[in-house]
Structure formats: structure tokens, C-alpha cells
Amino acid sequence: MEWFAVRSVFKFGEKADGTNIFEERIVGFCAADADEALHKAETESQQYAQSRRFEVAEEMMAYQQDGDALIDGYELYSQLFQSKESLQEFYQNRYGRYRYVPEDPAFRTKPIVG
């Protein structure tokens, strides 16, 4: 089994002036491959979003880690952002504009369905 870091982006809330607040969150998962890690991350992110009434972006990104074992489902990183953009606009402007997708299968993305 390998370890993967999976990034998800959420609409965290909205300020009184209408500015949206977004959370970029990276969680570690133990899995046989990137597809399994993304499946586990999708389940975890949906539960995380539902329990907090957040909106989750349509895409996640997994990256295979090298090094020592982690704790499955452990949050590795979280950062908040603010913008007047919708979740989809924020995601596209932050991650899609200069996107590079290597051919390496250890680096995968998967749209979230549902």
C-alpha cells in the first residue's frame, strides 16, 4: 500500500459583504493506487462538507507520497482564501489557468460525481 496526499477545495462560507471564503485542504490516504485514494478522499470530503454545510469543488487531485507511513484520513494542510468569485470560478482561476498534468500515473485528478 502507498500513501497519497489528496487536495480538495471547499466553499467555507460567506462574509457579510458577499465575499466567499474557500478552504484548500490536503488529507493523507493509504491506498493501493491513486484511483483508490481518490475514492476514499471523495467519501471523506463529502462527509466533511455535509457536516459543515460546505460546498465541495468538482475536482480533487492526488499525489503519491514518498517516505514514511502517515495516518489514513489525517489532515495534512488547510488554508483559507476569500474572493467574490463562485466556487467554480475560484477553482478554475487558482488551479486551472496554469495547469500542467504530467504523464506520471502517480499524479491523478478525478472529478467528483454527486
Protein backbone atom coordinates (compact mmCIF):
# COMPACT_ATOMS: atom_id res chain seq x y z
CA MET A 1 0.00 0.00 0.00
CA GLU A 2 1.13 3.52 -0.81
CA TRP A 3 0.38 6.92 0.72
CA PHE A 4 -1.30 9.70 -1.24
CA ALA A 5 -1.98 13.34 -0.41
CA VAL A 6 -5.34 14.44 -1.85
CA ARG A 7 -6.33 18.08 -2.27
CA SER A 8 -9.96 19.19 -2.03
CA VAL A 9 -11.37 22.71 -2.22
CA PHE A 10 -14.49 23.84 -0.38
CA LYS A 11 -16.66 26.93 -0.21
CA PHE A 12 -16.23 27.51 3.52
CA GLY A 13 -18.69 30.37 3.94
CA GLU A 14 -19.55 33.92 3.00
CA LYS A 15 -18.67 37.22 4.65
CA ALA A 16 -21.28 39.91 5.32
CA ASP A 17 -20.12 41.84 2.23
CA GLY A 18 -20.76 38.83 -0.04
CA THR A 19 -17.12 37.77 -0.32
CA ASN A 20 -16.81 33.98 -0.44
CA ILE A 21 -14.37 32.12 1.80
CA PHE A 22 -12.72 28.97 0.41
CA GLU A 23 -10.74 26.23 2.10
CA GLU A 24 -7.99 24.31 0.37
CA ARG A 25 -7.46 21.10 2.34
CA ILE A 26 -4.99 18.24 1.89
CA VAL A 27 -5.62 14.88 3.56
CA GLY A 28 -3.47 11.74 3.53
CA PHE A 29 -4.83 8.32 2.48
CA CYS A 30 -3.33 4.85 2.34
CA ALA A 31 -4.35 3.07 -0.87
CA ALA A 32 -3.23 0.57 -3.48
CA ASP A 33 -3.24 3.27 -6.18
CA ALA A 34 -4.31 6.84 -6.94
CA ASP A 35 -7.82 5.79 -8.00
CA GLU A 36 -8.47 4.12 -4.64
CA ALA A 37 -7.03 7.14 -2.80
CA LEU A 38 -9.33 9.46 -4.76
CA HIS A 39 -12.33 7.26 -3.97
CA LYS A 40 -11.52 7.35 -0.25
CA ALA A 41 -10.94 11.10 -0.43
CA GLU A 42 -14.24 11.67 -2.21
CA THR A 43 -16.12 9.87 0.58
CA GLU A 44 -14.22 11.75 3.29
CA SER A 45 -14.63 15.16 1.62
CA GLN A 46 -18.37 14.66 1.10
CA GLN A 47 -18.77 13.81 4.80
CA TYR A 48 -16.60 16.79 5.78
CA ALA A 49 -18.61 19.14 3.55
CA GLN A 50 -22.02 17.82 4.65
CA SER A 51 -21.19 18.01 8.36
CA ARG A 52 -20.17 21.67 7.98
CA ARG A 53 -22.62 22.69 5.26
CA PHE A 54 -19.73 23.45 2.87
CA GLU A 55 -19.84 23.19 -0.90
CA VAL A 56 -17.10 20.98 -2.43
CA ALA A 57 -15.38 21.70 -5.77
CA GLU A 58 -15.89 19.22 -8.61
CA GLU A 59 -12.27 18.08 -8.83
CA MET A 60 -9.72 16.57 -6.46
CA MET A 61 -6.03 15.96 -7.03
CA ALA A 62 -3.98 13.07 -5.63
CA TYR A 63 -0.21 12.85 -5.41
CA GLN A 64 1.69 9.74 -4.35
CA GLN A 65 3.91 10.41 -1.35
CA ASP A 66 7.37 9.02 -0.84
CA GLY A 67 8.64 8.44 2.66
CA ASP A 68 7.31 7.11 5.94
CA ALA A 69 3.75 5.96 6.61
CA LEU A 70 1.13 8.53 7.57
CA ILE A 71 -2.22 8.25 9.37
CA ASP A 72 -5.12 7.41 7.00
CA GLY A 73 -7.51 10.36 6.68
CA TYR A 74 -5.21 12.75 8.57
CA GLU A 75 -5.45 16.40 7.52
CA LEU A 76 -2.01 17.47 6.30
CA TYR A 77 -2.74 21.06 5.27
CA SER A 78 -5.53 23.63 5.24
CA GLN A 79 -5.62 27.24 4.03
CA LEU A 80 -8.47 29.74 3.71
CA PHE A 81 -8.94 32.24 0.85
CA GLN A 82 -11.51 34.95 0.12
CA SER A 83 -12.97 36.08 -3.20
CA LYS A 84 -16.16 37.42 -4.77
CA GLU A 85 -15.95 34.52 -7.25
CA SER A 86 -18.15 31.41 -7.14
CA LEU A 87 -16.51 28.14 -6.05
CA GLN A 88 -16.14 27.05 -9.69
CA GLU A 89 -14.63 30.41 -10.76
CA PHE A 90 -12.24 30.43 -7.81
CA TYR A 91 -11.14 26.86 -8.52
CA GLN A 92 -10.58 27.50 -12.23
CA ASN A 93 -8.65 30.73 -11.64
CA ARG A 94 -6.50 29.26 -8.86
CA TYR A 95 -5.81 25.80 -10.31
CA GLY A 96 -6.88 25.66 -13.95
CA ARG A 97 -5.21 28.67 -15.53
CA TYR A 98 -1.64 27.31 -15.47
CA ARG A 99 -2.37 23.64 -15.07
CA TYR A 100 0.24 21.08 -16.01
CA VAL A 101 -0.67 17.39 -15.99
CA PRO A 102 2.35 15.09 -16.18
CA GLU A 103 2.09 11.67 -17.76
CA ASP A 104 3.18 10.01 -14.49
CA PRO A 105 0.27 7.81 -13.20
CA ALA A 106 1.21 8.71 -9.58
CA PHE A 107 -0.24 12.17 -10.26
CA ARG A 108 -4.01 11.90 -10.89
CA THR A 109 -7.11 14.05 -10.80
CA LYS A 110 -10.71 12.93 -10.66
CA PRO A 111 -13.94 14.88 -10.96
CA ILE A 112 -16.30 14.37 -8.03
CA VAL A 113 -19.66 12.95 -9.05
CA GLY A 114 -22.75 13.78 -6.99
